[in-house]
Amino acid sequence: MSDNANSPDHVTIIKEGNSGGGMVLGILVAVVLAIVAFTVFSNSDRNSTDASIEAAANKVGAAADKVGNAAQDAAKKVQ
């Protein structure tokens, strides 16, 4: 095919197959990142929820103390 004696008359193309290892590794990294993100965000939500519940409980406790004191004062006036 070639007029030149030094050049090859055919070309061989070798394609090496991809095992897909990079794809599996990428999916594995994505799953691990998703789990870490879920853990971080769920803990931060819990902490803020716990703080809100604690604040509400303190307010209810303070109100209960006031009601208790008012009841004692009313009982003293009745006697």
N, C-alpha and C. Protein backbone atom coordinates (compact mmCIF):
# COMPACT_ATOMS: atom_id res chain seq x y z
N MET A 1 0.79 -1.18 0.00
CA MET A 1 0.00 0.00 0.00
C MET A 1 0.84 1.26 0.00
N SER A 2 2.02 1.14 0.47
CA SER A 2 2.87 2.32 0.56
C SER A 2 3.94 2.25 -0.51
N ASP A 3 4.29 3.40 -1.00
CA ASP A 3 5.36 3.45 -1.99
C ASP A 3 6.73 3.42 -1.32
N ASN A 4 6.80 3.84 -0.08
CA ASN A 4 8.06 3.90 0.65
C ASN A 4 8.31 2.56 1.32
N ALA A 5 9.45 2.00 1.20
CA ALA A 5 9.76 0.68 1.76
C ALA A 5 9.95 0.75 3.27
N ASN A 6 10.27 1.95 3.81
CA ASN A 6 10.50 2.06 5.25
C ASN A 6 9.21 2.23 6.06
N SER A 7 8.14 2.62 5.46
CA SER A 7 6.90 2.82 6.19
C SER A 7 6.07 1.54 6.19
N PRO A 8 5.36 1.30 7.28
CA PRO A 8 4.56 0.07 7.35
C PRO A 8 3.38 0.14 6.40
N ASP A 9 2.97 -1.03 5.94
CA ASP A 9 1.85 -1.06 5.02
C ASP A 9 0.51 -1.26 5.72
N HIS A 10 0.50 -1.39 7.06
CA HIS A 10 -0.75 -1.50 7.81
C HIS A 10 -0.58 -0.87 9.18
N VAL A 11 -1.68 -0.53 9.80
CA VAL A 11 -1.67 0.07 11.13
C VAL A 11 -2.53 -0.79 12.03
N THR A 12 -2.02 -1.12 13.18
CA THR A 12 -2.78 -1.90 14.16
C THR A 12 -3.18 -0.99 15.30
N ILE A 13 -4.46 -0.96 15.63
CA ILE A 13 -4.96 -0.16 16.74
C ILE A 13 -5.34 -1.12 17.86
N ILE A 14 -4.77 -0.90 19.02
CA ILE A 14 -5.06 -1.75 20.18
C ILE A 14 -5.89 -0.92 21.16
N LYS A 15 -7.06 -1.40 21.46
CA LYS A 15 -7.92 -0.74 22.44
C LYS A 15 -7.94 -1.60 23.69
N GLU A 16 -7.59 -0.97 24.78
CA GLU A 16 -7.64 -1.69 26.05
C GLU A 16 -8.98 -1.41 26.71
N GLY A 17 -9.59 -2.46 27.19
CA GLY A 17 -10.91 -2.32 27.82
C GLY A 17 -10.81 -1.68 29.19
N ASN A 18 -11.86 -0.95 29.55
CA ASN A 18 -11.95 -0.32 30.86
C ASN A 18 -12.76 -1.24 31.77
N SER A 19 -12.20 -1.55 32.92
CA SER A 19 -12.88 -2.48 33.81
C SER A 19 -14.03 -1.81 34.57
N GLY A 20 -14.12 -0.49 34.55
CA GLY A 20 -15.19 0.21 35.28
C GLY A 20 -14.83 0.46 36.73
N GLY A 21 -13.59 0.24 37.11
CA GLY A 21 -13.16 0.46 38.49
C GLY A 21 -13.30 1.90 38.92
N GLY A 22 -13.04 2.83 38.02
CA GLY A 22 -13.18 4.25 38.34
C GLY A 22 -14.63 4.62 38.62
N MET A 23 -15.54 4.04 37.88
CA MET A 23 -16.97 4.30 38.08
C MET A 23 -17.42 3.77 39.44
N VAL A 24 -16.99 2.58 39.78
CA VAL A 24 -17.37 1.98 41.07
C VAL A 24 -16.79 2.81 42.21
N LEU A 25 -15.55 3.23 42.07
CA LEU A 25 -14.92 4.05 43.11
C LEU A 25 -15.66 5.39 43.25
N GLY A 26 -16.05 6.00 42.15
CA GLY A 26 -16.79 7.25 42.19
C GLY A 26 -18.13 7.11 42.89
N ILE A 27 -18.83 6.03 42.60
CA ILE A 27 -20.13 5.78 43.26
C ILE A 27 -19.92 5.54 44.75
N LEU A 28 -18.88 4.80 45.10
CA LEU A 28 -18.59 4.53 46.51
C LEU A 28 -18.28 5.83 47.27
N VAL A 29 -17.49 6.70 46.68
CA VAL A 29 -17.17 7.98 47.31
C VAL A 29 -18.43 8.83 47.46
N ALA A 30 -19.32 8.83 46.46
CA ALA A 30 -20.56 9.60 46.53
C ALA A 30 -21.45 9.08 47.67
N VAL A 31 -21.53 7.77 47.82
CA VAL A 31 -22.35 7.18 48.89
C VAL A 31 -21.79 7.56 50.26
N VAL A 32 -20.47 7.47 50.41
CA VAL A 32 -19.86 7.83 51.70
C VAL A 32 -20.10 9.30 52.02
N LEU A 33 -19.96 10.18 51.03
CA LEU A 33 -20.21 11.60 51.26
C LEU A 33 -21.66 11.86 51.62
N ALA A 34 -22.58 11.14 50.99
CA ALA A 34 -24.00 11.31 51.32
C ALA A 34 -24.29 10.89 52.75
N ILE A 35 -23.68 9.80 53.19
CA ILE A 35 -23.88 9.33 54.57
C ILE A 35 -23.32 10.33 55.57
N VAL A 36 -22.14 10.86 55.29
CA VAL A 36 -21.53 11.84 56.18
C VAL A 36 -22.38 13.11 56.25
N ALA A 37 -22.85 13.58 55.10
CA ALA A 37 -23.68 14.78 55.07
C ALA A 37 -24.98 14.57 55.85
N PHE A 38 -25.60 13.41 55.66
CA PHE A 38 -26.84 13.11 56.39
C PHE A 38 -26.59 13.10 57.89
N THR A 39 -25.50 12.49 58.32
CA THR A 39 -25.18 12.42 59.74
C THR A 39 -24.95 13.81 60.32
N VAL A 40 -24.19 14.63 59.62
CA VAL A 40 -23.89 15.98 60.11
C VAL A 40 -25.16 16.81 60.21
N PHE A 41 -25.98 16.80 59.15
CA PHE A 41 -27.18 17.63 59.16
C PHE A 41 -28.23 17.12 60.13
N SER A 42 -28.35 15.81 60.31
CA SER A 42 -29.34 15.30 61.25
C SER A 42 -28.93 15.60 62.68
N ASN A 43 -27.64 15.59 62.98
CA ASN A 43 -27.21 15.94 64.33
C ASN A 43 -27.41 17.41 64.61
N SER A 44 -27.18 18.28 63.64
CA SER A 44 -27.38 19.70 63.88
C SER A 44 -28.86 20.01 64.07
N ASP A 45 -29.74 19.32 63.36
CA ASP A 45 -31.18 19.52 63.55
C ASP A 45 -31.60 19.06 64.93
N ARG A 46 -31.06 17.94 65.38
CA ARG A 46 -31.40 17.44 66.70
C ARG A 46 -30.96 18.40 67.78
N ASN A 47 -29.77 18.95 67.63
CA ASN A 47 -29.27 19.87 68.64
C ASN A 47 -30.13 21.12 68.74
N SER A 48 -30.53 21.66 67.61
CA SER A 48 -31.38 22.85 67.64
C SER A 48 -32.76 22.51 68.16
N THR A 49 -33.27 21.34 67.82
CA THR A 49 -34.57 20.90 68.33
C THR A 49 -34.51 20.69 69.84
N ASP A 50 -33.43 20.05 70.30
CA ASP A 50 -33.27 19.84 71.74
C ASP A 50 -33.20 21.16 72.49
N ALA A 51 -32.52 22.13 71.93
CA ALA A 51 -32.42 23.44 72.58
C ALA A 51 -33.79 24.12 72.63
N SER A 52 -34.57 23.99 71.57
CA SER A 52 -35.91 24.59 71.55
C SER A 52 -36.81 23.92 72.57
N ILE A 53 -36.72 22.60 72.65
CA ILE A 53 -37.54 21.86 73.62
C ILE A 53 -37.14 22.24 75.04
N GLU A 54 -35.83 22.37 75.27
CA GLU A 54 -35.36 22.73 76.60
C GLU A 54 -35.84 24.13 76.98
N ALA A 55 -35.80 25.07 76.06
CA ALA A 55 -36.26 26.43 76.35
C ALA A 55 -37.76 26.44 76.65
N ALA A 56 -38.53 25.68 75.87
CA ALA A 56 -39.97 25.61 76.11
C ALA A 56 -40.27 24.97 77.46
N ALA A 57 -39.52 23.93 77.80
CA ALA A 57 -39.73 23.27 79.09
C ALA A 57 -39.40 24.21 80.24
N ASN A 58 -38.36 25.01 80.08
CA ASN A 58 -38.02 25.97 81.13
C ASN A 58 -39.12 27.01 81.31
N LYS A 59 -39.70 27.47 80.20
CA LYS A 59 -40.80 28.44 80.28
C LYS A 59 -42.02 27.83 80.96
N VAL A 60 -42.32 26.57 80.63
CA VAL A 60 -43.47 25.90 81.25
C VAL A 60 -43.20 25.71 82.74
N GLY A 61 -41.96 25.36 83.08
CA GLY A 61 -41.61 25.19 84.49
C GLY A 61 -41.75 26.50 85.26
N ALA A 62 -41.31 27.60 84.66
CA ALA A 62 -41.44 28.91 85.32
C ALA A 62 -42.91 29.28 85.49
N ALA A 63 -43.72 29.01 84.47
CA ALA A 63 -45.15 29.30 84.58
C ALA A 63 -45.81 28.44 85.65
N ALA A 64 -45.40 27.19 85.74
CA ALA A 64 -45.95 26.30 86.77
C ALA A 64 -45.58 26.79 88.16
N ASP A 65 -44.36 27.30 88.31
CA ASP A 65 -43.96 27.86 89.61
C ASP A 65 -44.84 29.05 89.97
N LYS A 66 -45.12 29.92 89.01
CA LYS A 66 -45.97 31.08 89.27
C LYS A 66 -47.38 30.66 89.67
N VAL A 67 -47.91 29.64 88.96
CA VAL A 67 -49.26 29.15 89.29
C VAL A 67 -49.27 28.55 90.69
N GLY A 68 -48.22 27.82 91.00
CA GLY A 68 -48.12 27.22 92.34
C GLY A 68 -48.05 28.28 93.42
N ASN A 69 -47.26 29.31 93.18
CA ASN A 69 -47.17 30.40 94.16
C ASN A 69 -48.50 31.13 94.30
N ALA A 70 -49.19 31.36 93.20
CA ALA A 70 -50.50 32.02 93.25
C ALA A 70 -51.50 31.17 94.01
N ALA A 71 -51.44 29.86 93.82
CA ALA A 71 -52.37 28.97 94.54
C ALA A 71 -52.08 29.02 96.04
N GLN A 72 -50.84 29.03 96.43
CA GLN A 72 -50.48 29.11 97.85
C GLN A 72 -50.94 30.44 98.45
N ASP A 73 -50.77 31.53 97.70
CA ASP A 73 -51.22 32.83 98.18
C ASP A 73 -52.73 32.85 98.34
N ALA A 74 -53.44 32.25 97.40
CA ALA A 74 -54.92 32.21 97.49
C ALA A 74 -55.34 31.35 98.67
N ALA A 75 -54.66 30.27 98.91
CA ALA A 75 -55.01 29.39 100.04
C ALA A 75 -54.78 30.11 101.37
N LYS A 76 -53.72 30.91 101.45
CA LYS A 76 -53.43 31.65 102.68
C LYS A 76 -54.51 32.70 102.94
N LYS A 77 -55.01 33.33 101.87
CA LYS A 77 -56.06 34.36 102.03
C LYS A 77 -57.37 33.74 102.46
N VAL A 78 -57.64 32.51 102.02
CA VAL A 78 -58.89 31.85 102.37
C VAL A 78 -58.88 31.44 103.84
N GLN A 79 -57.76 31.07 104.38
CA GLN A 79 -57.68 30.60 105.77
C GLN A 79 -57.77 31.73 106.68
